[in-house]
């Protein structure tokens, strides 16, 4: 892999956007390597949490306009299906995914942050969907994903103006969960990933899957079956016993 650097530290995997000289812009190579990385990590039982981060001062300037400008009305439709599949793969990863965003996350970079489960930002981070400025509009389900996170009004403000939202405002509207000084961003992401990785893995996967399953007509049945599956796991019993022991210890 060249565009992506994959590192594993115990149960935590780091997926680094690794083209800082190109502002970590996203092209076909980047997308293919992201798909490969998440395919590998999804199959690795030793990995329990994943962090998406970037080398250099910019998280991602978005899709490579040099690649985009060569597409025609017909070929762009063909390309979009494959691009969307990569983002869906990340969003549907069974393991919790954290985006650690420093600098700008624009367009496709914003979308990459949004398909993570949790978003941490540095104080210098900014987010935007500038597509209207180059004569198109955000696709790949960026609009409904953004509305789900920040609400209709804030989503329209971001999409219709094409202007950036800085870290403090991103925190205020719910686009990110935490904001950190730049030097603390990656340690904070690692601490959160360690916490998630230390929880009973089947319970974490089921909890994440529940959010995706909410719209299913059989959600109640799915929920009962998944809860029973968690109950049957040996780590559930161990975790409950550890909780009871810790509570007894706190009463002394």
C-alpha atoms as a PDB file:
ATOM      1  CA  UNK A   1       0.000   0.000   0.000  1.00  0.00           C
ATOM      2  CA  UNK A   2       1.245   3.506  -0.846  1.00  0.00           C
ATOM      3  CA  UNK A   3      -1.696   5.861  -0.397  1.00  0.00           C
ATOM      4  CA  UNK A   4      -2.671   4.131   2.854  1.00  0.00           C
ATOM      5  CA  UNK A   5      -0.411   3.048   5.715  1.00  0.00           C
ATOM      6  CA  UNK A   6      -1.766   0.290   7.930  1.00  0.00           C
ATOM      7  CA  UNK A   7      -0.360  -0.128  11.457  1.00  0.00           C
ATOM      8  CA  UNK A   8      -1.498  -2.407  14.256  1.00  0.00           C
ATOM      9  CA  UNK A   9      -0.785  -1.781  17.927  1.00  0.00           C
ATOM     10  CA  UNK A  10      -2.191  -4.685  19.905  1.00  0.00           C
ATOM     11  CA  UNK A  11      -5.978  -4.749  19.435  1.00  0.00           C
ATOM     12  CA  UNK A  12      -6.025  -1.288  17.806  1.00  0.00           C
ATOM     13  CA  UNK A  13      -5.407  -0.744  14.089  1.00  0.00           C
ATOM     14  CA  UNK A  14      -4.480   2.611  12.559  1.00  0.00           C
ATOM     15  CA  UNK A  15      -5.425   3.371   8.964  1.00  0.00           C
ATOM     16  CA  UNK A  16      -3.316   6.351   7.916  1.00  0.00           C
ATOM     17  CA  UNK A  17      -3.994   8.494   4.865  1.00  0.00           C
ATOM     18  CA  UNK A  18      -0.397   8.683   3.715  1.00  0.00           C
ATOM     19  CA  UNK A  19      -0.078  11.282   0.961  1.00  0.00           C
ATOM     20  CA  UNK A  20       0.511  14.561   2.825  1.00  0.00           C
ATOM     21  CA  UNK A  21       2.116  16.229  -0.205  1.00  0.00           C
ATOM     22  CA  UNK A  22      -1.173  15.747  -2.055  1.00  0.00           C
ATOM     23  CA  UNK A  23      -3.146  16.912   1.002  1.00  0.00           C
ATOM     24  CA  UNK A  24      -4.319  13.315   1.330  1.00  0.00           C
ATOM     25  CA  UNK A  25      -6.722  13.817  -1.561  1.00  0.00           C
ATOM     26  CA  UNK A  26      -8.780  10.763  -2.428  1.00  0.00           C
ATOM     27  CA  UNK A  27      -8.461   9.058  -5.804  1.00  0.00           C
ATOM     28  CA  UNK A  28      -8.964   5.564  -7.204  1.00  0.00           C
ATOM     29  CA  UNK A  29      -5.763   4.254  -5.621  1.00  0.00           C
ATOM     30  CA  UNK A  30      -6.700   5.596  -2.194  1.00  0.00           C
ATOM     31  CA  UNK A  31     -10.180   4.113  -2.438  1.00  0.00           C
ATOM     32  CA  UNK A  32      -8.866   0.703  -3.508  1.00  0.00           C
ATOM     33  CA  UNK A  33      -6.378   0.650  -0.628  1.00  0.00           C
ATOM     34  CA  UNK A  34      -9.016   1.750   1.884  1.00  0.00           C
ATOM     35  CA  UNK A  35     -11.237  -1.116   0.725  1.00  0.00           C
ATOM     36  CA  UNK A  36      -8.326  -3.552   1.010  1.00  0.00           C
ATOM     37  CA  UNK A  37      -7.390  -2.308   4.479  1.00  0.00           C
ATOM     38  CA  UNK A  38     -10.907  -2.620   5.883  1.00  0.00           C
ATOM     39  CA  UNK A  39     -11.350  -6.023   4.284  1.00  0.00           C
ATOM     40  CA  UNK A  40      -8.191  -7.229   6.053  1.00  0.00           C
ATOM     41  CA  UNK A  41      -9.101  -5.642   9.376  1.00  0.00           C
ATOM     42  CA  UNK A  42     -12.641  -6.954   9.272  1.00  0.00           C
ATOM     43  CA  UNK A  43     -11.279 -10.501   9.101  1.00  0.00           C
ATOM     44  CA  UNK A  44      -8.627 -10.038  11.790  1.00  0.00           C
ATOM     45  CA  UNK A  45     -10.094 -11.208  15.095  1.00  0.00           C
ATOM     46  CA  UNK A  46      -7.156  -9.699  16.986  1.00  0.00           C
ATOM     47  CA  UNK A  47      -8.239  -6.196  15.937  1.00  0.00           C
ATOM     48  CA  UNK A  48     -11.061  -4.782  18.061  1.00  0.00           C
ATOM     49  CA  UNK A  49     -11.005  -1.072  17.223  1.00  0.00           C
ATOM     50  CA  UNK A  50      -9.838   0.981  14.240  1.00  0.00           C
ATOM     51  CA  UNK A  51      -8.630   4.587  13.989  1.00  0.00           C
ATOM     52  CA  UNK A  52      -8.597   6.516  10.705  1.00  0.00           C
ATOM     53  CA  UNK A  53      -6.010   9.286  10.801  1.00  0.00           C
ATOM     54  CA  UNK A  54      -3.723  11.143   8.394  1.00  0.00           C
ATOM     55  CA  UNK A  55      -0.098  12.045   7.975  1.00  0.00           C
ATOM     56  CA  UNK A  56       0.638  15.733   7.613  1.00  0.00           C
ATOM     57  CA  UNK A  57      -1.336  18.826   8.614  1.00  0.00           C
ATOM     58  CA  UNK A  58      -4.435  18.048   6.503  1.00  0.00           C
ATOM     59  CA  UNK A  59      -6.798  15.133   7.107  1.00  0.00           C
ATOM     60  CA  UNK A  60      -8.066  15.105   3.516  1.00  0.00           C
ATOM     61  CA  UNK A  61      -8.728  17.807   0.943  1.00  0.00           C
ATOM     62  CA  UNK A  62     -11.391  15.549  -0.559  1.00  0.00           C
ATOM     63  CA  UNK A  63     -11.662  13.874  -3.913  1.00  0.00           C
ATOM     64  CA  UNK A  64      -8.841  14.524  -6.374  1.00  0.00           C
ATOM     65  CA  UNK A  65     -10.294  17.071  -8.797  1.00  0.00           C
ATOM     66  CA  UNK A  66      -7.658  16.064 -11.356  1.00  0.00           C
ATOM     67  CA  UNK A  67      -9.224  12.609 -11.429  1.00  0.00           C
ATOM     68  CA  UNK A  68     -12.770  13.944 -11.372  1.00  0.00           C
ATOM     69  CA  UNK A  69     -12.351  16.435 -14.197  1.00  0.00           C
ATOM     70  CA  UNK A  70     -11.579  13.642 -16.657  1.00  0.00           C
ATOM     71  CA  UNK A  71     -14.904  11.901 -16.029  1.00  0.00           C
ATOM     72  CA  UNK A  72     -17.827  12.267 -18.421  1.00  0.00           C
ATOM     73  CA  UNK A  73     -21.535  12.302 -17.659  1.00  0.00           C
ATOM     74  CA  UNK A  74     -21.636   8.568 -18.424  1.00  0.00           C
ATOM     75  CA  UNK A  75     -18.415   7.503 -16.694  1.00  0.00           C
ATOM     76  CA  UNK A  76     -19.079   9.474 -13.523  1.00  0.00           C
ATOM     77  CA  UNK A  77     -22.215   7.412 -12.905  1.00  0.00           C
ATOM     78  CA  UNK A  78     -20.201   4.219 -13.348  1.00  0.00           C
ATOM     79  CA  UNK A  79     -17.497   5.452 -10.966  1.00  0.00           C
ATOM     80  CA  UNK A  80     -19.914   6.527  -8.240  1.00  0.00           C
ATOM     81  CA  UNK A  81     -21.143   3.004  -7.545  1.00  0.00           C
ATOM     82  CA  UNK A  82     -17.647   1.756  -6.785  1.00  0.00           C
ATOM     83  CA  UNK A  83     -16.783   4.809  -4.705  1.00  0.00           C
ATOM     84  CA  UNK A  84     -19.959   4.478  -2.655  1.00  0.00           C
ATOM     85  CA  UNK A  85     -19.200   0.808  -1.993  1.00  0.00           C
ATOM     86  CA  UNK A  86     -15.890   1.722  -0.341  1.00  0.00           C
ATOM     87  CA  UNK A  87     -17.528   4.180   2.059  1.00  0.00           C
ATOM     88  CA  UNK A  88     -20.273   1.664   2.796  1.00  0.00           C
ATOM     89  CA  UNK A  89     -17.616  -0.947   3.616  1.00  0.00           C
ATOM     90  CA  UNK A  90     -16.084   1.370   6.198  1.00  0.00           C
ATOM     91  CA  UNK A  91     -19.447   2.376   7.651  1.00  0.00           C
ATOM     92  CA  UNK A  92     -20.583  -1.268   7.855  1.00  0.00           C
ATOM     93  CA  UNK A  93     -17.384  -2.544   9.451  1.00  0.00           C
ATOM     94  CA  UNK A  94     -18.435  -4.665  12.419  1.00  0.00           C
ATOM     95  CA  UNK A  95     -15.744  -3.118  14.609  1.00  0.00           C
ATOM     96  CA  UNK A  96     -15.889   0.415  16.047  1.00  0.00           C
ATOM     97  CA  UNK A  97     -14.151   2.994  13.870  1.00  0.00           C
ATOM     98  CA  UNK A  98     -12.813   6.332  15.135  1.00  0.00           C
ATOM     99  CA  UNK A  99     -11.830   9.235  12.877  1.00  0.00           C
ATOM    100  CA  UNK A 100      -9.059  11.454  14.276  1.00  0.00           C
ATOM    101  CA  UNK A 101      -9.254  14.642  12.201  1.00  0.00           C
ATOM    102  CA  UNK A 102      -6.518  17.244  12.126  1.00  0.00           C
ATOM    103  CA  UNK A 103      -6.636  20.102   9.655  1.00  0.00           C
ATOM    104  CA  UNK A 104      -9.219  20.151   6.886  1.00  0.00           C
ATOM    105  CA  UNK A 105     -11.666  17.344   6.084  1.00  0.00           C
ATOM    106  CA  UNK A 106     -13.392  18.446   2.913  1.00  0.00           C
ATOM    107  CA  UNK A 107     -15.848  16.719   0.568  1.00  0.00           C
ATOM    108  CA  UNK A 108     -14.772  13.094   0.364  1.00  0.00           C
ATOM    109  CA  UNK A 109     -12.629  13.678   3.462  1.00  0.00           C
ATOM    110  CA  UNK A 110     -15.676  14.892   5.386  1.00  0.00           C
ATOM    111  CA  UNK A 111     -17.541  11.804   4.221  1.00  0.00           C
ATOM    112  CA  UNK A 112     -14.674   9.578   5.370  1.00  0.00           C
ATOM    113  CA  UNK A 113     -14.942  11.095   8.842  1.00  0.00           C
ATOM    114  CA  UNK A 114     -18.725  10.710   8.856  1.00  0.00           C
ATOM    115  CA  UNK A 115     -18.725   6.982   8.054  1.00  0.00           C
ATOM    116  CA  UNK A 116     -16.677   6.425  11.203  1.00  0.00           C
ATOM    117  CA  UNK A 117     -18.626   5.762  14.390  1.00  0.00           C
ATOM    118  CA  UNK A 118     -16.967   8.501  16.434  1.00  0.00           C
ATOM    119  CA  UNK A 119     -15.114  11.647  15.401  1.00  0.00           C
ATOM    120  CA  UNK A 120     -12.346  13.385  17.332  1.00  0.00           C
ATOM    121  CA  UNK A 121     -10.941  16.675  16.012  1.00  0.00           C
ATOM    122  CA  UNK A 122      -7.962  18.862  16.723  1.00  0.00           C
ATOM    123  CA  UNK A 123      -8.551  22.514  17.539  1.00  0.00           C
ATOM    124  CA  UNK A 124      -7.223  23.311  14.046  1.00  0.00           C
ATOM    125  CA  UNK A 125      -9.658  20.976  12.259  1.00  0.00           C
ATOM    126  CA  UNK A 126     -12.276  22.195   9.820  1.00  0.00           C
ATOM    127  CA  UNK A 127     -15.001  20.447   7.877  1.00  0.00           C
ATOM    128  CA  UNK A 128     -16.793  21.290   4.669  1.00  0.00           C
ATOM    129  CA  UNK A 129     -18.678  20.179   1.581  1.00  0.00           C
ATOM    130  CA  UNK A 130     -17.464  22.648  -1.075  1.00  0.00           C
ATOM    131  CA  UNK A 131     -18.932  20.806  -4.067  1.00  0.00           C
ATOM    132  CA  UNK A 132     -21.320  23.627  -5.029  1.00  0.00           C
ATOM    133  CA  UNK A 133     -18.293  25.834  -5.614  1.00  0.00           C
ATOM    134  CA  UNK A 134     -17.155  23.611  -8.500  1.00  0.00           C
ATOM    135  CA  UNK A 135     -20.586  23.127 -10.056  1.00  0.00           C
ATOM    136  CA  UNK A 136     -21.751  19.867  -8.488  1.00  0.00           C
ATOM    137  CA  UNK A 137     -23.339  18.869  -5.178  1.00  0.00           C
ATOM    138  CA  UNK A 138     -22.404  16.348  -2.471  1.00  0.00           C
ATOM    139  CA  UNK A 139     -23.461  12.805  -3.348  1.00  0.00           C
ATOM    140  CA  UNK A 140     -22.622   9.330  -2.023  1.00  0.00           C
ATOM    141  CA  UNK A 141     -25.335   9.892   0.602  1.00  0.00           C
ATOM    142  CA  UNK A 142     -23.295  12.656   2.228  1.00  0.00           C
ATOM    143  CA  UNK A 143     -26.427  14.815   2.633  1.00  0.00           C
ATOM    144  CA  UNK A 144     -28.542  12.329   4.641  1.00  0.00           C
ATOM    145  CA  UNK A 145     -25.528  11.259   6.676  1.00  0.00           C
ATOM    146  CA  UNK A 146     -24.753  14.885   7.513  1.00  0.00           C
ATOM    147  CA  UNK A 147     -28.378  15.690   8.343  1.00  0.00           C
ATOM    148  CA  UNK A 148     -28.524  12.686  10.653  1.00  0.00           C
ATOM    149  CA  UNK A 149     -25.531  14.029  12.595  1.00  0.00           C
ATOM    150  CA  UNK A 150     -26.176  17.779  12.724  1.00  0.00           C
ATOM    151  CA  UNK A 151     -29.842  18.309  11.844  1.00  0.00           C
ATOM    152  CA  UNK A 152     -31.498  19.807   8.782  1.00  0.00           C
ATOM    153  CA  UNK A 153     -30.639  23.460   9.297  1.00  0.00           C
ATOM    154  CA  UNK A 154     -26.935  22.961   9.993  1.00  0.00           C
ATOM    155  CA  UNK A 155     -26.650  20.453   7.127  1.00  0.00           C
ATOM    156  CA  UNK A 156     -28.175  22.942   4.686  1.00  0.00           C
ATOM    157  CA  UNK A 157     -25.842  25.676   5.923  1.00  0.00           C
ATOM    158  CA  UNK A 158     -22.815  23.475   5.229  1.00  0.00           C
ATOM    159  CA  UNK A 159     -23.970  22.081   1.877  1.00  0.00           C
ATOM    160  CA  UNK A 160     -25.590  25.149   0.300  1.00  0.00           C
ATOM    161  CA  UNK A 161     -22.846  27.633   1.188  1.00  0.00           C
ATOM    162  CA  UNK A 162     -19.892  25.311   0.669  1.00  0.00           C
ATOM    163  CA  UNK A 163     -18.177  27.079   3.575  1.00  0.00           C
ATOM    164  CA  UNK A 164     -16.068  25.453   6.270  1.00  0.00           C
ATOM    165  CA  UNK A 165     -17.148  24.663   9.801  1.00  0.00           C
ATOM    166  CA  UNK A 166     -14.334  24.963  12.315  1.00  0.00           C
ATOM    167  CA  UNK A 167     -13.731  22.566  15.169  1.00  0.00           C
ATOM    168  CA  UNK A 168     -15.534  24.468  17.936  1.00  0.00           C
ATOM    169  CA  UNK A 169     -18.661  24.866  15.807  1.00  0.00           C
ATOM    170  CA  UNK A 170     -18.398  21.245  14.646  1.00  0.00           C
ATOM    171  CA  UNK A 171     -18.506  20.215  18.308  1.00  0.00           C
ATOM    172  CA  UNK A 172     -21.441  22.507  19.017  1.00  0.00           C
ATOM    173  CA  UNK A 173     -23.602  21.119  16.191  1.00  0.00           C
ATOM    174  CA  UNK A 174     -22.699  17.481  16.853  1.00  0.00           C
ATOM    175  CA  UNK A 175     -20.466  16.834  13.859  1.00  0.00           C
ATOM    176  CA  UNK A 176     -17.656  15.715  16.177  1.00  0.00           C
ATOM    177  CA  UNK A 177     -17.746  14.234  19.663  1.00  0.00           C
ATOM    178  CA  UNK A 178     -14.510  15.690  21.057  1.00  0.00           C
ATOM    179  CA  UNK A 179     -12.027  18.496  20.293  1.00  0.00           C
ATOM    180  CA  UNK A 180      -8.405  18.299  21.457  1.00  0.00           C
ATOM    181  CA  UNK A 181      -5.212  20.356  21.185  1.00  0.00           C
ATOM    182  CA  UNK A 182      -3.302  19.120  18.140  1.00  0.00           C
ATOM    183  CA  UNK A 183      -0.622  17.320  20.143  1.00  0.00           C
ATOM    184  CA  UNK A 184      -3.246  15.440  22.155  1.00  0.00           C
ATOM    185  CA  UNK A 185      -5.471  14.317  19.282  1.00  0.00           C
ATOM    186  CA  UNK A 186      -3.843  11.001  18.422  1.00  0.00           C
ATOM    187  CA  UNK A 187      -3.195   9.995  22.058  1.00  0.00           C
ATOM    188  CA  UNK A 188      -6.871  10.752  22.781  1.00  0.00           C
ATOM    189  CA  UNK A 189      -7.937   8.633  19.816  1.00  0.00           C
ATOM    190  CA  UNK A 190      -5.697   5.817  21.024  1.00  0.00           C
ATOM    191  CA  UNK A 191      -7.144   6.031  24.553  1.00  0.00           C
ATOM    192  CA  UNK A 192     -10.686   5.835  23.202  1.00  0.00           C
ATOM    193  CA  UNK A 193      -9.759   2.949  20.907  1.00  0.00           C
ATOM    194  CA  UNK A 194      -8.114   1.125  23.821  1.00  0.00           C
ATOM    195  CA  UNK A 195     -11.290   1.557  25.866  1.00  0.00           C
ATOM    196  CA  UNK A 196     -13.459   0.166  23.075  1.00  0.00           C
ATOM    197  CA  UNK A 197     -11.022  -2.674  22.427  1.00  0.00           C
ATOM    198  CA  UNK A 198     -11.147  -3.635  26.100  1.00  0.00           C
ATOM    199  CA  UNK A 199     -14.911  -4.146  26.165  1.00  0.00           C
ATOM    200  CA  UNK A 200     -16.557  -7.520  25.421  1.00  0.00           C
ATOM    201  CA  UNK A 201     -16.208  -7.666  21.615  1.00  0.00           C
ATOM    202  CA  UNK A 202     -19.508  -9.327  20.747  1.00  0.00           C
ATOM    203  CA  UNK A 203     -21.414  -6.781  22.818  1.00  0.00           C
ATOM    204  CA  UNK A 204     -19.653  -3.883  21.073  1.00  0.00           C
ATOM    205  CA  UNK A 205     -20.370  -5.340  17.638  1.00  0.00           C
ATOM    206  CA  UNK A 206     -24.005  -5.931  18.522  1.00  0.00           C
ATOM    207  CA  UNK A 207     -24.371  -2.413  19.917  1.00  0.00           C
ATOM    208  CA  UNK A 208     -22.963  -0.952  16.693  1.00  0.00           C
ATOM    209  CA  UNK A 209     -25.132  -3.229  14.545  1.00  0.00           C
ATOM    210  CA  UNK A 210     -28.242  -2.102  16.446  1.00  0.00           C
ATOM    211  CA  UNK A 211     -27.921   1.424  15.037  1.00  0.00           C
ATOM    212  CA  UNK A 212     -27.876   0.076  11.487  1.00  0.00           C
ATOM    213  CA  UNK A 213     -30.748  -2.308  12.191  1.00  0.00           C
ATOM    214  CA  UNK A 214     -33.154   0.290  13.601  1.00  0.00           C
ATOM    215  CA  UNK A 215     -34.969   0.752  10.286  1.00  0.00           C
ATOM    216  CA  UNK A 216     -35.591  -2.961   9.781  1.00  0.00           C
ATOM    217  CA  UNK A 217     -39.269  -3.982   9.938  1.00  0.00           C
ATOM    218  CA  UNK A 218     -38.230  -6.943  12.101  1.00  0.00           C
ATOM    219  CA  UNK A 219     -36.051  -4.869  14.424  1.00  0.00           C
ATOM    220  CA  UNK A 220     -37.720  -6.126  17.614  1.00  0.00           C
ATOM    221  CA  UNK A 221     -37.102  -9.741  16.637  1.00  0.00           C
ATOM    222  CA  UNK A 222     -33.545  -8.982  15.506  1.00  0.00           C
ATOM    223  CA  UNK A 223     -32.884  -7.218  18.786  1.00  0.00           C
ATOM    224  CA  UNK A 224     -34.110 -10.136  20.898  1.00  0.00           C
ATOM    225  CA  UNK A 225     -32.071 -12.657  18.907  1.00  0.00           C
ATOM    226  CA  UNK A 226     -28.930 -10.537  19.066  1.00  0.00           C
ATOM    227  CA  UNK A 227     -29.379  -9.937  22.785  1.00  0.00           C
ATOM    228  CA  UNK A 228     -29.716 -13.690  23.348  1.00  0.00           C
ATOM    229  CA  UNK A 229     -26.536 -14.234  21.316  1.00  0.00           C
ATOM    230  CA  UNK A 230     -24.700 -11.777  23.580  1.00  0.00           C
ATOM    231  CA  UNK A 231     -26.074 -13.514  26.646  1.00  0.00           C
ATOM    232  CA  UNK A 232     -24.677 -16.825  25.441  1.00  0.00           C
ATOM    233  CA  UNK A 233     -21.135 -15.494  25.089  1.00  0.00           C
ATOM    234  CA  UNK A 234     -18.688 -16.529  27.850  1.00  0.00           C
ATOM    235  CA  UNK A 235     -17.272 -13.001  28.083  1.00  0.00           C
ATOM    236  CA  UNK A 236     -20.719 -11.759  29.148  1.00  0.00           C
ATOM    237  CA  UNK A 237     -20.655 -13.882  32.278  1.00  0.00           C
ATOM    238  CA  UNK A 238     -17.072 -12.905  33.032  1.00  0.00           C
ATOM    239  CA  UNK A 239     -17.844  -9.202  32.562  1.00  0.00           C
ATOM    240  CA  UNK A 240     -20.872  -9.366  34.858  1.00  0.00           C
ATOM    241  CA  UNK A 241     -18.905 -11.172  37.561  1.00  0.00           C
ATOM    242  CA  UNK A 242     -16.105  -8.602  37.284  1.00  0.00           C
ATOM    243  CA  UNK A 243     -18.685  -5.823  37.643  1.00  0.00           C
ATOM    244  CA  UNK A 244     -20.187  -7.419  40.749  1.00  0.00           C
ATOM    245  CA  UNK A 245     -16.745  -7.900  42.300  1.00  0.00           C
ATOM    246  CA  UNK A 246     -15.797  -4.273  41.631  1.00  0.00           C
ATOM    247  CA  UNK A 247     -19.044  -3.085  43.215  1.00  0.00           C
ATOM    248  CA  UNK A 248     -18.392  -5.207  46.305  1.00  0.00           C
ATOM    249  CA  UNK A 249     -14.899  -3.730  46.521  1.00  0.00           C
ATOM    250  CA  UNK A 250     -16.210  -0.171  46.344  1.00  0.00           C
ATOM    251  CA  UNK A 251     -18.519  -0.801  49.323  1.00  0.00           C
ATOM    252  CA  UNK A 252     -15.697  -1.698  51.649  1.00  0.00           C
END
